[in-house]
Amino acid sequence: MAVRYARCRLVPRAARTVVMRYAPGMNPLHPKKLLLSKWTALAPVNKEKHFIVTRVIEPEEPGGAVEWVDIDAVHSRQTRRIAWQTLRDETQWRQGWL
């Protein structure tokens, strides 16, 4: 079985368009994909820089939007509850451990 490759035309870098679905400065993420994700705080407090999302707080009414997540600091094992939208702010958080 032969593999066929589609012919593609090379486009100069300046002519390429980038489609952005999120505002600049925002981490693209969805609340259902947050569980066990790793985050780095850009302004560490008490040597707490690296965090893991350990719990996504589901709303009491079914079909409601997720508002809160629990994050655990890797260094001290302390848990914080924050609004999940704050993780989208690139001035405070970066996805992954840097």
N, C-alpha and C. Protein backbone atom coordinates (compact mmCIF):
# COMPACT_ATOMS: atom_id res chain seq x y z
N MET A 1 0.85 -1.17 0.00
CA MET A 1 0.00 0.00 0.00
C MET A 1 0.89 1.23 0.00
N ALA A 2 0.72 2.06 -0.99
CA ALA A 2 1.53 3.25 -1.12
C ALA A 2 0.89 4.40 -0.35
N VAL A 3 1.74 5.24 0.22
CA VAL A 3 1.26 6.40 0.96
C VAL A 3 1.28 7.59 0.01
N ARG A 4 0.20 8.28 -0.07
CA ARG A 4 0.12 9.45 -0.93
C ARG A 4 0.24 10.71 -0.10
N TYR A 5 0.99 11.62 -0.58
CA TYR A 5 1.16 12.90 0.09
C TYR A 5 0.51 13.99 -0.76
N ALA A 6 -0.22 14.83 -0.14
CA ALA A 6 -0.84 15.94 -0.85
C ALA A 6 0.22 16.98 -1.15
N ARG A 7 0.14 17.55 -2.33
CA ARG A 7 1.08 18.62 -2.67
C ARG A 7 0.63 19.89 -1.96
N CYS A 8 1.57 20.55 -1.35
CA CYS A 8 1.23 21.80 -0.68
C CYS A 8 2.15 22.89 -1.18
N ARG A 9 1.62 24.07 -1.22
CA ARG A 9 2.37 25.22 -1.68
C ARG A 9 2.95 25.92 -0.46
N LEU A 10 4.22 26.23 -0.51
CA LEU A 10 4.85 26.93 0.61
C LEU A 10 4.44 28.40 0.56
N VAL A 11 4.03 28.89 1.70
CA VAL A 11 3.59 30.28 1.81
C VAL A 11 4.61 31.03 2.64
N PRO A 12 5.02 32.21 2.22
CA PRO A 12 5.98 32.98 3.03
C PRO A 12 5.41 33.25 4.42
N ARG A 13 6.30 33.31 5.41
CA ARG A 13 5.89 33.47 6.79
C ARG A 13 5.04 34.72 6.99
N ALA A 14 5.35 35.80 6.32
CA ALA A 14 4.60 37.05 6.50
C ALA A 14 3.17 36.92 5.98
N ALA A 15 2.93 36.03 5.04
CA ALA A 15 1.60 35.90 4.46
C ALA A 15 0.71 34.94 5.25
N ARG A 16 1.27 34.20 6.19
CA ARG A 16 0.48 33.26 6.98
C ARG A 16 -0.39 34.03 7.98
N THR A 17 -1.56 33.52 8.22
CA THR A 17 -2.44 34.15 9.20
C THR A 17 -2.54 33.24 10.42
N VAL A 18 -2.62 33.85 11.55
CA VAL A 18 -2.75 33.12 12.80
C VAL A 18 -4.15 33.38 13.35
N VAL A 19 -4.86 32.31 13.65
CA VAL A 19 -6.19 32.44 14.21
C VAL A 19 -6.08 32.32 15.71
N MET A 20 -6.49 33.35 16.43
CA MET A 20 -6.45 33.34 17.89
C MET A 20 -7.87 33.27 18.41
N ARG A 21 -8.13 32.28 19.24
CA ARG A 21 -9.46 32.16 19.84
C ARG A 21 -9.49 32.77 21.23
N TYR A 22 -8.35 33.13 21.76
CA TYR A 22 -8.26 33.68 23.10
C TYR A 22 -7.58 35.04 23.04
N ALA A 23 -7.87 35.85 24.00
CA ALA A 23 -7.26 37.18 24.04
C ALA A 23 -5.77 37.05 24.32
N PRO A 24 -4.95 37.98 23.81
CA PRO A 24 -3.53 37.93 24.12
C PRO A 24 -3.30 38.06 25.62
N GLY A 25 -2.33 37.34 26.13
CA GLY A 25 -2.03 37.37 27.55
C GLY A 25 -2.85 36.40 28.37
N MET A 26 -3.62 35.54 27.69
CA MET A 26 -4.46 34.57 28.39
C MET A 26 -4.02 33.16 28.02
N ASN A 27 -3.91 32.29 29.02
CA ASN A 27 -3.60 30.89 28.77
C ASN A 27 -4.85 30.19 28.24
N PRO A 28 -4.78 29.52 27.08
CA PRO A 28 -5.96 28.83 26.57
C PRO A 28 -6.19 27.54 27.34
N LEU A 29 -7.30 27.43 28.03
CA LEU A 29 -7.61 26.21 28.77
C LEU A 29 -9.10 26.11 29.00
N HIS A 30 -9.51 24.90 29.33
CA HIS A 30 -10.93 24.62 29.59
C HIS A 30 -11.01 24.02 30.99
N PRO A 31 -12.03 24.38 31.78
CA PRO A 31 -12.10 23.90 33.16
C PRO A 31 -12.17 22.38 33.29
N LYS A 32 -12.69 21.68 32.28
CA LYS A 32 -12.76 20.22 32.38
C LYS A 32 -11.40 19.56 32.20
N LYS A 33 -10.42 20.28 31.67
CA LYS A 33 -9.08 19.74 31.44
C LYS A 33 -8.10 20.14 32.54
N LEU A 34 -8.56 20.76 33.60
CA LEU A 34 -7.66 21.29 34.62
C LEU A 34 -7.15 20.26 35.61
N LEU A 35 -7.91 19.21 35.88
CA LEU A 35 -7.54 18.25 36.92
C LEU A 35 -6.15 17.67 36.67
N LEU A 36 -5.29 17.74 37.69
CA LEU A 36 -3.91 17.26 37.69
C LEU A 36 -2.99 18.04 36.75
N SER A 37 -3.41 19.23 36.33
CA SER A 37 -2.51 20.06 35.52
C SER A 37 -1.52 20.76 36.44
N LYS A 38 -0.35 21.08 35.90
CA LYS A 38 0.74 21.69 36.68
C LYS A 38 0.87 23.15 36.30
N TRP A 39 1.14 23.99 37.31
CA TRP A 39 1.21 25.43 37.13
C TRP A 39 2.38 26.02 37.88
N THR A 40 2.94 27.12 37.36
CA THR A 40 4.01 27.86 38.00
C THR A 40 3.51 29.26 38.30
N ALA A 41 3.65 29.67 39.56
CA ALA A 41 3.29 31.04 39.94
C ALA A 41 4.45 31.96 39.58
N LEU A 42 4.16 33.08 38.94
CA LEU A 42 5.22 34.00 38.55
C LEU A 42 5.65 34.90 39.70
N ALA A 43 4.84 34.97 40.75
CA ALA A 43 5.19 35.73 41.94
C ALA A 43 5.05 34.80 43.15
N PRO A 44 6.07 33.97 43.41
CA PRO A 44 5.96 32.99 44.50
C PRO A 44 5.83 33.66 45.87
N VAL A 45 5.04 33.02 46.74
CA VAL A 45 4.88 33.47 48.12
C VAL A 45 5.25 32.30 49.01
N ASN A 46 6.09 32.52 50.01
CA ASN A 46 6.55 31.48 50.95
C ASN A 46 7.19 30.29 50.23
N LYS A 47 8.00 30.57 49.21
CA LYS A 47 8.69 29.54 48.43
C LYS A 47 7.75 28.60 47.70
N GLU A 48 6.50 29.01 47.56
CA GLU A 48 5.52 28.19 46.84
C GLU A 48 5.46 28.70 45.41
N LYS A 49 6.08 27.96 44.51
CA LYS A 49 6.14 28.37 43.11
C LYS A 49 5.41 27.38 42.20
N HIS A 50 5.52 26.09 42.50
CA HIS A 50 4.93 25.05 41.65
C HIS A 50 3.67 24.48 42.31
N PHE A 51 2.63 24.32 41.49
CA PHE A 51 1.33 23.88 41.99
C PHE A 51 0.74 22.81 41.08
N ILE A 52 -0.14 21.99 41.66
CA ILE A 52 -0.90 20.98 40.92
C ILE A 52 -2.38 21.19 41.25
N VAL A 53 -3.22 21.15 40.23
CA VAL A 53 -4.67 21.24 40.45
C VAL A 53 -5.13 19.86 40.91
N THR A 54 -5.60 19.79 42.16
CA THR A 54 -5.98 18.50 42.73
C THR A 54 -7.49 18.28 42.76
N ARG A 55 -8.26 19.34 42.57
CA ARG A 55 -9.72 19.18 42.64
C ARG A 55 -10.39 20.30 41.85
N VAL A 56 -11.34 19.92 41.03
CA VAL A 56 -12.17 20.89 40.31
C VAL A 56 -13.52 20.88 41.01
N ILE A 57 -13.92 22.02 41.57
CA ILE A 57 -15.15 22.12 42.35
C ILE A 57 -16.33 22.24 41.38
N GLU A 58 -17.18 21.22 41.40
CA GLU A 58 -18.37 21.22 40.55
C GLU A 58 -19.46 22.07 41.20
N PRO A 59 -20.26 22.76 40.42
CA PRO A 59 -21.36 23.56 40.99
C PRO A 59 -22.44 22.66 41.58
N GLU A 60 -23.20 23.22 42.51
CA GLU A 60 -24.26 22.43 43.16
C GLU A 60 -25.39 22.07 42.20
N GLU A 61 -25.75 22.99 41.33
CA GLU A 61 -26.80 22.70 40.37
C GLU A 61 -26.19 22.03 39.14
N PRO A 62 -26.82 20.99 38.64
CA PRO A 62 -26.27 20.30 37.47
C PRO A 62 -26.31 21.20 36.23
N GLY A 63 -25.27 21.12 35.45
CA GLY A 63 -25.19 21.92 34.24
C GLY A 63 -24.62 23.31 34.47
N GLY A 64 -24.27 23.63 35.70
CA GLY A 64 -23.69 24.94 36.00
C GLY A 64 -22.22 24.99 35.61
N ALA A 65 -21.69 26.17 35.55
CA ALA A 65 -20.30 26.37 35.16
C ALA A 65 -19.36 26.15 36.35
N VAL A 66 -18.21 25.57 36.08
CA VAL A 66 -17.17 25.39 37.10
C VAL A 66 -16.59 26.76 37.44
N GLU A 67 -16.47 27.06 38.74
CA GLU A 67 -15.94 28.36 39.15
C GLU A 67 -14.65 28.24 39.94
N TRP A 68 -14.46 27.17 40.71
CA TRP A 68 -13.35 27.07 41.63
C TRP A 68 -12.53 25.81 41.40
N VAL A 69 -11.23 25.90 41.73
CA VAL A 69 -10.35 24.73 41.73
C VAL A 69 -9.50 24.79 42.99
N ASP A 70 -9.09 23.62 43.47
CA ASP A 70 -8.13 23.54 44.57
C ASP A 70 -6.76 23.23 43.98
N ILE A 71 -5.77 24.03 44.37
CA ILE A 71 -4.40 23.78 43.91
C ILE A 71 -3.53 23.50 45.13
N ASP A 72 -2.63 22.52 45.00
CA ASP A 72 -1.71 22.16 46.06
C ASP A 72 -0.31 22.64 45.70
N ALA A 73 0.34 23.29 46.66
CA ALA A 73 1.74 23.68 46.47
C ALA A 73 2.60 22.43 46.60
N VAL A 74 3.52 22.26 45.68
CA VAL A 74 4.38 21.07 45.69
C VAL A 74 5.35 21.13 46.87
N HIS A 75 5.87 22.30 47.17
CA HIS A 75 6.89 22.44 48.22
C HIS A 75 6.31 22.23 49.62
N SER A 76 5.17 22.84 49.92
CA SER A 76 4.65 22.81 51.28
C SER A 76 3.39 21.96 51.46
N ARG A 77 2.82 21.46 50.39
CA ARG A 77 1.60 20.64 50.41
C ARG A 77 0.38 21.40 50.93
N GLN A 78 0.42 22.72 50.93
CA GLN A 78 -0.74 23.51 51.33
C GLN A 78 -1.71 23.64 50.16
N THR A 79 -2.99 23.69 50.49
CA THR A 79 -4.03 23.76 49.46
C THR A 79 -4.65 25.14 49.46
N ARG A 80 -4.86 25.67 48.26
CA ARG A 80 -5.55 26.94 48.08
C ARG A 80 -6.75 26.71 47.18
N ARG A 81 -7.81 27.48 47.40
CA ARG A 81 -8.96 27.45 46.50
C ARG A 81 -8.97 28.78 45.74
N ILE A 82 -8.93 28.67 44.43
CA ILE A 82 -8.91 29.87 43.59
C ILE A 82 -9.94 29.73 42.48
N ALA A 83 -10.32 30.84 41.91
CA ALA A 83 -11.21 30.82 40.73
C ALA A 83 -10.38 30.33 39.55
N TRP A 84 -10.91 29.39 38.77
CA TRP A 84 -10.11 28.80 37.70
C TRP A 84 -9.74 29.81 36.63
N GLN A 85 -10.49 30.90 36.48
CA GLN A 85 -10.17 31.90 35.47
C GLN A 85 -8.86 32.63 35.77
N THR A 86 -8.44 32.67 37.04
CA THR A 86 -7.18 33.34 37.35
C THR A 86 -5.99 32.61 36.74
N LEU A 87 -6.13 31.30 36.48
CA LEU A 87 -5.05 30.56 35.85
C LEU A 87 -4.85 30.97 34.39
N ARG A 88 -5.82 31.63 33.81
CA ARG A 88 -5.69 32.09 32.42
C ARG A 88 -4.83 33.33 32.29
N ASP A 89 -4.57 34.03 33.39
CA ASP A 89 -3.80 35.28 33.36
C ASP A 89 -2.30 34.95 33.30
N GLU A 90 -1.65 35.27 32.17
CA GLU A 90 -0.23 34.95 31.99
C GLU A 90 0.69 35.83 32.82
N THR A 91 0.18 36.89 33.44
CA THR A 91 1.03 37.71 34.30
C THR A 91 1.15 37.09 35.69
N GLN A 92 0.26 36.14 36.03
CA GLN A 92 0.29 35.48 37.34
C GLN A 92 0.72 34.02 37.27
N TRP A 93 0.30 33.32 36.21
CA TRP A 93 0.49 31.86 36.13
C TRP A 93 1.02 31.47 34.76
N ARG A 94 1.83 30.41 34.74
CA ARG A 94 2.27 29.77 33.51
C ARG A 94 1.97 28.29 33.63
N GLN A 95 1.47 27.71 32.55
CA GLN A 95 1.15 26.29 32.57
C GLN A 95 2.44 25.49 32.49
N GLY A 96 2.51 24.43 33.31
CA GLY A 96 3.72 23.61 33.39
C GLY A 96 4.62 24.12 34.50
N TRP A 97 5.71 23.39 34.72
CA TRP A 97 6.67 23.78 35.76
C TRP A 97 7.88 24.37 35.07
N LEU A 98 8.11 25.65 35.31
CA LEU A 98 9.23 26.35 34.69
C LEU A 98 10.35 26.55 35.67
